[in-house]
Amino acid sequence: MKVYSSFNQNISYEHLLKIPFSMFISLKNKNKELISEILNLPINNFKAYYYKSQRSAFYDFLLYLKSKNPKKEIVVLPSYTCCVLVNAVLKAGLKVEFIDTKEDSLSYDPKRFQQKTNLISDQILAILIPSNFGESFNQEFVNKYKNNYSLILDLANTLTDFNFNDFQAVLLSFGSNKLLDSVYGGSLLVDSKLNFKSKVKHINLAFEIKSIFKVFNFIFFRRFLKSFLTKSIFYIFKNLNLFPRIISNSEKIFLTNQIQYAKSSKLLDPMLNKTLLDFKHSENSNKLKKLHASLSEYSLRDLNVKNSTCFYPILVDNPKELHSKLINQNIFTSIEWTFSQIVPLSARLENIQFKTEAYPNSLKLSKRLLLIPINNSLDYKSISNIIHIIFDHIHENKVTNNNR
């Protein structure tokens, strides 16, 4: 399959051209069929709801769970996660309970999880099961808790095999740095027998129009102009806020009263349809397998290379230095995830308690983790270049440490 990443999107003119010709045609059933095939889910087993973003889908389902369980108010998240998920919990009037990850892993630490959940078991409304950056969720962990709690599977960054019946809901993202790259949008998948009623009614059409402008920007400026001019235009457009940010400033500093959650309009349908068709008809990437094999020695230990991910996680010393080396070669990494996403290390916290020393594994991980973008437009020469830059960096750090 094609593998998508931010900054070098797999967005084409066809995405733009399909909107005026297809937006008045109902594509929701066709999109559901494609999601069914991509995730290997029986089409009659689930309902699909579409939103401006995955965080909106998460927020909407939390409101549903809250209406069914008004006495429960805690949502469990891993301490290494994305701050936009925290905002969805807070916006829903609920509380967050962070639990540390395993050492050098993005999965929950089972012992710490057991200790914390034993204390708050009766208050837990939902538990988010992450599947970040190619590291799949722990099926043994899921089996242990699926009958006692409402589990929500997060497939924002990675697509993997899973049993749909293990979860109350599954979250997908179609954002500009995701595998199913449609520039914006998200989806909530729930059991077809579930009497789910969406509470999100608002449509943020201005956001969607800005997102389409973002497509225009990437096609004309990111792909065809020379590096210096491209970066200059991108910098200007970014600061003029002419297209949506992946994570807004309000979200970073937890101004939840300023964050809007919305469902999608028909503008998303044709763009998503094009993306899903491209994804379905693309073949498994040998480039991806080669990169995985070459970097596996330095990756997270629990990484499952059968998964598809938009970013490949490796553990190195001085990741900021390596990040700069890659940037100098026009290889863009995700700076927000790499250096600030022990949540919410980079945010002001007026309304939740968070002490980083209480999450030693995640804190250690955040200092060593670098996410390498996997892009289907990369040729073998570019992949070799990435690998050589990383290996040279590791070797230089080993020599420096030995000299000390």
Protein backbone atom coordinates (compact mmCIF):
# COMPACT_ATOMS: atom_id res chain seq x y z
CA MET A 1 0.00 0.00 0.00
CA LYS A 2 1.06 3.58 -0.40
CA VAL A 3 2.39 5.20 2.74
CA TYR A 4 1.59 8.81 3.43
CA SER A 5 3.29 11.48 5.52
CA SER A 6 3.13 15.17 6.24
CA PHE A 7 4.90 17.88 4.19
CA ASN A 8 5.00 15.64 1.11
CA GLN A 9 1.38 14.83 0.68
CA ASN A 10 -0.04 12.40 -1.83
CA ILE A 11 -2.61 14.97 -2.85
CA SER A 12 -3.11 15.49 -6.58
CA TYR A 13 -5.08 17.68 -8.95
CA GLU A 14 -7.69 14.92 -9.02
CA HIS A 15 -8.58 15.65 -5.38
CA LEU A 16 -9.37 19.25 -6.34
CA LEU A 17 -11.15 18.38 -9.56
CA LYS A 18 -13.33 15.74 -7.94
CA ILE A 19 -14.95 18.21 -5.52
CA PRO A 20 -17.11 20.26 -7.94
CA PHE A 21 -18.12 17.17 -9.92
CA SER A 22 -18.78 14.83 -7.01
CA MET A 23 -19.80 16.81 -3.96
CA PHE A 24 -23.50 16.64 -4.86
CA ILE A 25 -23.34 12.86 -5.32
CA SER A 26 -23.69 10.67 -2.25
CA LEU A 27 -20.33 8.97 -1.74
CA LYS A 28 -20.77 7.94 1.89
CA ASN A 29 -21.73 4.36 1.05
CA LYS A 30 -18.81 4.00 -1.37
CA ASN A 31 -16.42 5.45 1.21
CA LYS A 32 -17.76 3.03 3.81
CA GLU A 33 -17.15 0.13 1.42
CA LEU A 34 -13.56 1.26 0.91
CA ILE A 35 -12.97 1.63 4.65
CA SER A 36 -14.43 -1.85 5.08
CA GLU A 37 -11.95 -3.28 2.56
CA ILE A 38 -8.93 -1.38 3.87
CA LEU A 39 -9.56 -2.35 7.51
CA ASN A 40 -10.90 -5.81 6.63
CA LEU A 41 -14.18 -5.21 8.46
CA PRO A 42 -17.54 -6.75 7.45
CA ILE A 43 -19.44 -3.80 6.05
CA ASN A 44 -22.67 -4.63 7.89
CA ASN A 45 -20.92 -4.73 11.26
CA PHE A 46 -20.25 -1.01 11.63
CA LYS A 47 -21.59 2.48 11.08
CA ALA A 48 -19.28 5.28 9.96
CA TYR A 49 -19.71 8.93 11.03
CA TYR A 50 -17.60 11.72 9.52
CA TYR A 51 -16.22 14.84 11.18
CA LYS A 52 -13.97 17.81 10.61
CA SER A 53 -11.24 15.92 12.49
CA GLN A 54 -10.62 12.78 14.47
CA ARG A 55 -10.64 14.78 17.69
CA SER A 56 -14.23 15.78 16.88
CA ALA A 57 -15.13 12.10 16.47
CA PHE A 58 -13.49 11.32 19.83
CA TYR A 59 -15.32 14.20 21.51
CA ASP A 60 -18.68 13.12 20.07
CA PHE A 61 -18.32 9.53 21.25
CA LEU A 62 -17.26 10.67 24.73
CA LEU A 63 -20.46 12.72 24.95
CA TYR A 64 -22.41 9.60 24.03
CA LEU A 65 -20.67 7.48 26.68
CA LYS A 66 -21.17 10.24 29.25
CA SER A 67 -24.92 10.32 28.56
CA LYS A 68 -25.08 6.55 29.16
CA ASN A 69 -22.83 6.60 32.25
CA PRO A 70 -23.27 9.98 33.98
CA LYS A 71 -21.51 8.86 37.17
CA LYS A 72 -18.27 8.00 35.37
CA GLU A 73 -15.94 10.87 34.51
CA ILE A 74 -12.41 9.60 33.86
CA VAL A 75 -10.85 8.88 30.46
CA VAL A 76 -7.53 7.01 30.54
CA LEU A 77 -4.80 8.08 28.09
CA PRO A 78 -1.15 7.05 27.72
CA SER A 79 1.19 9.79 28.94
CA TYR A 80 2.84 9.85 25.52
CA THR A 81 -0.03 10.96 23.32
CA CYS A 82 -1.34 13.95 21.38
CA CYS A 83 -2.62 17.02 23.19
CA VAL A 84 -5.65 17.33 20.89
CA LEU A 85 -7.07 14.18 22.51
CA VAL A 86 -6.71 15.75 25.94
CA ASN A 87 -8.70 18.77 24.77
CA ALA A 88 -11.54 16.55 23.55
CA VAL A 89 -11.77 14.98 27.01
CA LEU A 90 -11.75 18.32 28.80
CA LYS A 91 -14.24 19.87 26.35
CA ALA A 92 -16.62 17.00 27.13
CA GLY A 93 -16.47 17.95 30.82
CA LEU A 94 -14.47 14.85 31.77
CA LYS A 95 -11.18 14.21 33.56
CA VAL A 96 -7.94 12.76 32.20
CA GLU A 97 -5.93 10.05 33.89
CA PHE A 98 -2.49 9.63 32.31
CA ILE A 99 -0.66 6.32 32.69
CA ASP A 100 3.02 5.89 31.91
CA THR A 101 4.21 3.85 28.96
CA LYS A 102 6.51 0.88 29.08
CA GLU A 103 10.21 1.69 28.84
CA ASP A 104 11.15 2.50 25.22
CA SER A 105 7.59 1.82 24.12
CA LEU A 106 4.40 3.68 23.26
CA SER A 107 2.13 1.09 24.90
CA TYR A 108 0.82 1.25 28.46
CA ASP A 109 3.03 -0.07 31.25
CA PRO A 110 0.86 -3.00 32.47
CA LYS A 111 1.95 -2.76 36.12
CA ARG A 112 1.37 0.98 36.36
CA PHE A 113 -1.94 0.59 34.52
CA GLN A 114 -3.14 -2.05 36.96
CA GLN A 115 -2.10 0.01 39.99
CA LYS A 116 -3.89 3.16 38.82
CA THR A 117 -7.04 1.60 37.45
CA ASN A 118 -7.56 -0.42 40.63
CA LEU A 119 -7.92 2.88 42.49
CA ILE A 120 -10.32 4.56 40.04
CA SER A 121 -12.08 1.58 38.44
CA ASP A 122 -15.63 2.74 39.21
CA GLN A 123 -14.96 6.19 37.69
CA ILE A 124 -13.46 5.11 34.36
CA LEU A 125 -15.67 6.04 31.42
CA ALA A 126 -13.31 4.96 28.63
CA ILE A 127 -9.75 3.86 27.90
CA LEU A 128 -7.97 4.97 24.74
CA ILE A 129 -5.92 2.20 23.12
CA PRO A 130 -3.15 3.80 21.04
CA SER A 131 -1.57 2.35 17.93
CA ASN A 132 1.08 4.95 17.30
CA PHE A 133 3.78 5.00 14.63
CA GLY A 134 3.70 1.35 13.65
CA GLU A 135 3.64 0.02 17.18
CA SER A 136 0.44 -1.95 17.49
CA PHE A 137 -1.66 -2.14 20.58
CA ASN A 138 -1.05 -5.11 22.86
CA GLN A 139 -3.76 -7.68 22.12
CA GLU A 140 -3.13 -9.45 25.43
CA PHE A 141 -3.72 -6.12 27.17
CA VAL A 142 -6.94 -5.59 25.19
CA ASN A 143 -8.19 -9.08 26.03
CA LYS A 144 -7.63 -8.42 29.72
CA TYR A 145 -9.72 -5.24 29.89
CA LYS A 146 -12.25 -5.34 27.04
CA ASN A 147 -15.00 -6.89 29.16
CA ASN A 148 -14.62 -4.42 32.02
CA TYR A 149 -14.17 -1.06 30.27
CA SER A 150 -15.16 0.83 27.14
CA LEU A 151 -12.07 0.64 24.92
CA ILE A 152 -11.58 3.11 22.06
CA LEU A 153 -8.98 2.24 19.41
CA ASP A 154 -6.98 5.16 18.00
CA LEU A 155 -5.80 4.52 14.42
CA ALA A 156 -4.72 8.09 13.65
CA ASN A 157 -1.12 7.30 12.71
CA THR A 158 -1.13 3.58 12.01
CA LEU A 159 -3.35 1.00 10.34
CA THR A 160 -3.20 -2.46 11.82
CA ASP A 161 -5.16 -5.70 12.13
CA PHE A 162 -7.63 -5.75 15.00
CA ASN A 163 -10.85 -7.36 16.17
CA PHE A 164 -13.60 -4.77 15.85
CA ASN A 165 -15.69 -6.52 18.53
CA ASP A 166 -13.03 -5.75 21.15
CA PHE A 167 -13.79 -2.01 21.01
CA GLN A 168 -16.68 0.33 21.64
CA ALA A 169 -15.40 2.60 18.87
CA VAL A 170 -12.54 3.01 16.39
CA LEU A 171 -11.13 6.42 15.43
CA LEU A 172 -9.65 7.25 12.01
CA SER A 173 -7.92 10.43 10.89
CA PHE A 174 -7.74 11.79 7.36
CA GLY A 175 -5.48 14.73 8.27
CA SER A 176 -2.59 16.02 6.19
CA ASN A 177 0.05 14.02 8.06
CA LYS A 178 -1.77 10.69 8.18
CA LEU A 179 -1.86 7.48 6.19
CA LEU A 180 -5.32 8.18 4.78
CA ASP A 181 -4.32 11.67 3.71
CA SER A 182 -7.34 13.73 2.64
CA VAL A 183 -5.98 16.97 4.14
CA TYR A 184 -8.65 17.12 6.84
CA GLY A 185 -11.37 14.98 8.36
CA GLY A 186 -11.89 12.08 10.72
CA SER A 187 -14.24 9.18 11.23
CA LEU A 188 -15.91 7.34 14.08
CA LEU A 189 -16.66 3.64 13.54
CA VAL A 190 -19.16 2.06 15.91
CA ASP A 191 -21.06 -1.23 16.03
CA SER A 192 -24.06 -1.18 13.70
CA LYS A 193 -26.24 -2.39 16.59
CA LEU A 194 -25.22 0.52 18.83
CA ASN A 195 -27.89 3.17 19.25
CA PHE A 196 -25.39 5.99 18.80
CA LYS A 197 -26.76 9.49 18.18
CA SER A 198 -24.31 12.23 17.29
CA LYS A 199 -24.43 15.36 19.43
CA VAL A 200 -22.11 17.30 17.10
CA LYS A 201 -24.25 19.23 14.63
CA HIS A 202 -22.14 22.26 13.68
CA ILE A 203 -20.31 22.32 10.32
CA ASN A 204 -17.18 24.48 10.18
CA LEU A 205 -17.29 25.29 6.49
CA ALA A 206 -14.63 28.00 6.78
CA PHE A 207 -12.14 25.42 8.07
CA GLU A 208 -12.94 23.09 5.17
CA ILE A 209 -12.50 25.80 2.54
CA LYS A 210 -9.15 26.73 4.11
CA SER A 211 -8.22 23.06 3.98
CA ILE A 212 -8.92 22.96 0.25
CA PHE A 213 -6.71 26.00 -0.12
CA LYS A 214 -4.08 23.98 1.71
CA VAL A 215 -4.31 21.36 -1.05
CA PHE A 216 -3.76 24.08 -3.62
CA ASN A 217 -0.77 25.33 -1.66
CA PHE A 218 0.88 21.91 -1.46
CA ILE A 219 0.32 21.06 -5.11
CA PHE A 220 1.63 24.29 -6.56
CA PHE A 221 4.26 25.34 -4.03
CA ARG A 222 5.56 22.27 -2.23
CA ARG A 223 5.94 20.08 -5.29
CA PHE A 224 7.08 22.36 -8.09
CA LEU A 225 9.04 25.27 -6.71
CA LYS A 226 12.71 25.22 -5.72
CA SER A 227 13.58 24.54 -2.13
CA PHE A 228 14.39 28.06 -0.89
CA LEU A 229 11.38 29.66 -2.58
CA THR A 230 9.11 26.85 -1.44
CA LYS A 231 10.18 27.25 2.18
CA SER A 232 9.76 31.02 2.00
CA ILE A 233 6.22 30.83 0.61
CA PHE A 234 5.29 28.09 3.05
CA TYR A 235 6.61 30.21 5.94
CA ILE A 236 4.59 33.25 4.78
CA PHE A 237 1.39 31.26 4.30
CA LYS A 238 1.82 29.55 7.65
CA ASN A 239 2.14 32.84 9.50
CA LEU A 240 -0.76 34.40 7.63
CA ASN A 241 -2.83 31.43 8.81
CA LEU A 242 -4.12 30.81 5.30
CA PHE A 243 -4.61 27.13 5.98
CA PRO A 244 -5.39 25.18 9.16
CA ARG A 245 -2.66 24.13 11.55
CA ILE A 246 -2.40 20.50 12.60
CA ILE A 247 -2.50 21.58 16.24
CA SER A 248 -3.88 25.01 17.01
CA ASN A 249 -2.44 27.34 19.63
CA SER A 250 -5.70 27.12 21.61
CA GLU A 251 -5.31 23.35 21.76
CA LYS A 252 -1.71 23.59 22.88
CA ILE A 253 -2.55 25.79 25.84
CA PHE A 254 -5.86 24.07 26.64
CA LEU A 255 -8.23 26.95 25.90
CA THR A 256 -11.03 24.45 25.44
CA ASN A 257 -13.72 27.15 25.33
CA GLN A 258 -12.15 28.36 22.06
CA ILE A 259 -11.91 24.94 20.39
CA GLN A 260 -14.70 24.02 18.00
CA TYR A 261 -15.73 20.46 17.20
CA ALA A 262 -17.70 19.92 14.02
CA LYS A 263 -19.01 17.31 11.62
CA SER A 264 -17.93 17.31 7.98
CA SER A 265 -19.82 18.71 5.01
CA LYS A 266 -20.10 17.13 1.56
CA LEU A 267 -16.77 18.76 0.65
CA LEU A 268 -14.96 15.93 2.41
CA ASP A 269 -16.73 13.08 0.59
CA PRO A 270 -15.06 13.35 -2.86
CA MET A 271 -11.61 14.09 -1.41
CA LEU A 272 -11.85 11.11 0.94
CA ASN A 273 -13.17 8.91 -1.86
CA LYS A 274 -10.14 9.71 -4.03
CA THR A 275 -7.76 9.05 -1.14
CA LEU A 276 -9.35 5.73 -0.20
CA LEU A 277 -9.39 4.57 -3.83
CA ASP A 278 -5.70 5.44 -4.20
CA PHE A 279 -4.90 3.63 -0.98
CA LYS A 280 -6.88 0.53 -1.93
CA HIS A 281 -5.34 0.15 -5.38
CA SER A 282 -1.73 0.79 -4.39
CA GLU A 283 0.59 -2.13 -3.78
CA ASN A 284 2.68 -2.89 -0.72
CA SER A 285 5.73 -0.67 -0.79
CA ASN A 286 9.11 -2.40 -1.07
CA LYS A 287 10.62 0.92 -0.10
CA LEU A 288 8.76 0.80 3.20
CA LYS A 289 9.95 -2.74 3.90
CA LYS A 290 13.53 -1.78 3.08
CA LEU A 291 13.43 1.21 5.40
CA HIS A 292 11.85 -0.82 8.20
CA ALA A 293 14.48 -3.53 7.87
CA SER A 294 17.34 -1.03 7.82
CA LEU A 295 16.13 0.92 10.86
CA SER A 296 14.77 -1.98 12.93
CA GLU A 297 17.87 -2.14 15.13
CA TYR A 298 17.19 1.37 16.37
CA SER A 299 13.40 1.23 16.52
CA LEU A 300 11.07 0.67 19.45
CA ARG A 301 11.37 -2.91 20.61
CA ASP A 302 7.67 -3.77 20.29
CA LEU A 303 7.37 -2.45 16.75
CA ASN A 304 5.30 -4.64 14.45
CA VAL A 305 6.64 -4.11 10.92
CA LYS A 306 3.47 -5.57 9.39
CA ASN A 307 1.66 -2.39 10.31
CA SER A 308 1.49 0.65 8.04
CA THR A 309 2.55 3.93 9.57
CA CYS A 310 3.15 7.48 8.35
CA PHE A 311 6.15 7.94 10.64
CA TYR A 312 8.78 5.41 11.63
CA PRO A 313 10.01 5.78 15.24
CA ILE A 314 13.69 5.35 16.06
CA LEU A 315 15.59 5.87 19.31
CA VAL A 316 18.79 7.90 19.07
CA ASP A 317 20.95 10.19 21.19
CA ASN A 318 20.62 13.91 20.41
CA PRO A 319 17.51 13.63 18.20
CA LYS A 320 17.38 17.41 17.73
CA GLU A 321 20.78 17.32 16.09
CA LEU A 322 19.72 14.48 13.79
CA HIS A 323 16.50 16.37 13.05
CA SER A 324 18.56 19.35 11.85
CA LYS A 325 20.68 17.13 9.62
CA LEU A 326 17.58 15.67 8.00
CA ILE A 327 16.01 19.09 7.53
CA ASN A 328 19.17 20.26 5.76
CA GLN A 329 18.58 17.45 3.27
CA ASN A 330 14.91 18.48 2.82
CA ILE A 331 13.73 15.48 4.85
CA PHE A 332 11.00 16.77 7.14
CA THR A 333 10.26 15.15 10.48
CA SER A 334 7.39 15.84 12.84
CA ILE A 335 8.87 18.32 15.29
CA GLU A 336 5.73 18.62 17.43
CA TRP A 337 5.44 14.89 18.05
CA THR A 338 9.15 14.23 18.36
CA PHE A 339 10.10 16.73 21.02
CA SER A 340 6.99 17.74 22.94
CA GLN A 341 4.46 14.99 23.06
CA ILE A 342 4.82 13.64 26.52
CA VAL A 343 1.47 15.22 27.07
CA PRO A 344 1.21 17.95 27.88
CA LEU A 345 4.84 18.83 28.52
CA SER A 346 4.70 21.77 26.12
CA ALA A 347 1.42 23.24 27.34
CA ARG A 348 0.29 25.55 30.12
CA LEU A 349 -1.82 23.66 32.60
CA GLU A 350 -4.38 25.62 34.51
CA ASN A 351 -7.04 22.97 34.84
CA ILE A 352 -5.31 19.57 35.05
CA GLN A 353 -2.48 18.25 37.18
CA PHE A 354 0.52 16.83 35.36
CA LYS A 355 3.96 16.19 36.86
CA THR A 356 6.40 14.83 34.33
CA GLU A 357 8.47 13.04 36.97
CA ALA A 358 5.48 10.76 37.55
CA TYR A 359 5.93 9.38 34.02
CA PRO A 360 9.65 8.46 33.84
CA ASN A 361 9.39 6.08 30.89
CA SER A 362 7.54 8.54 28.69
CA LEU A 363 9.88 11.35 29.70
CA LYS A 364 12.91 9.24 28.81
CA LEU A 365 11.30 8.22 25.54
CA SER A 366 10.50 11.80 24.55
CA LYS A 367 14.20 12.74 24.85
CA ARG A 368 15.35 10.00 22.46
CA LEU A 369 12.53 9.49 19.98
CA LEU A 370 12.71 10.74 16.41
CA LEU A 371 9.97 10.08 13.85
CA ILE A 372 11.16 9.47 10.31
CA PRO A 373 8.55 10.31 7.65
CA ILE A 374 7.73 7.44 5.33
CA ASN A 375 6.69 8.88 2.00
CA ASN A 376 5.65 6.94 -1.07
CA SER A 377 7.29 9.56 -3.31
CA LEU A 378 10.72 8.69 -1.93
CA ASP A 379 12.95 6.79 -4.33
CA TYR A 380 15.58 4.28 -3.27
CA LYS A 381 18.29 6.93 -3.43
CA SER A 382 16.37 9.13 -0.99
CA ILE A 383 15.79 6.20 1.37
CA SER A 384 19.48 5.31 1.26
CA ASN A 385 20.27 8.94 1.99
CA ILE A 386 18.02 8.90 5.08
CA ILE A 387 19.61 5.68 6.34
CA HIS A 388 23.15 6.97 5.82
CA ILE A 389 22.41 10.23 7.64
CA ILE A 390 20.97 8.31 10.60
CA PHE A 391 23.80 5.76 10.73
CA ASP A 392 26.46 8.49 10.49
CA HIS A 393 24.76 10.38 13.31
CA ILE A 394 24.67 7.26 15.51
CA HIS A 395 28.31 6.50 14.75
CA GLU A 396 29.40 10.10 15.53
CA ASN A 397 27.59 9.98 18.87
CA LYS A 398 29.21 6.65 19.76
CA VAL A 399 32.67 8.04 18.99
CA THR A 400 31.97 11.17 21.03
CA ASN A 401 30.70 9.15 24.01
CA ASN A 402 33.71 6.81 23.84
CA ASN A 403 36.13 9.74 23.80
CA ARG A 404 34.53 11.03 26.97
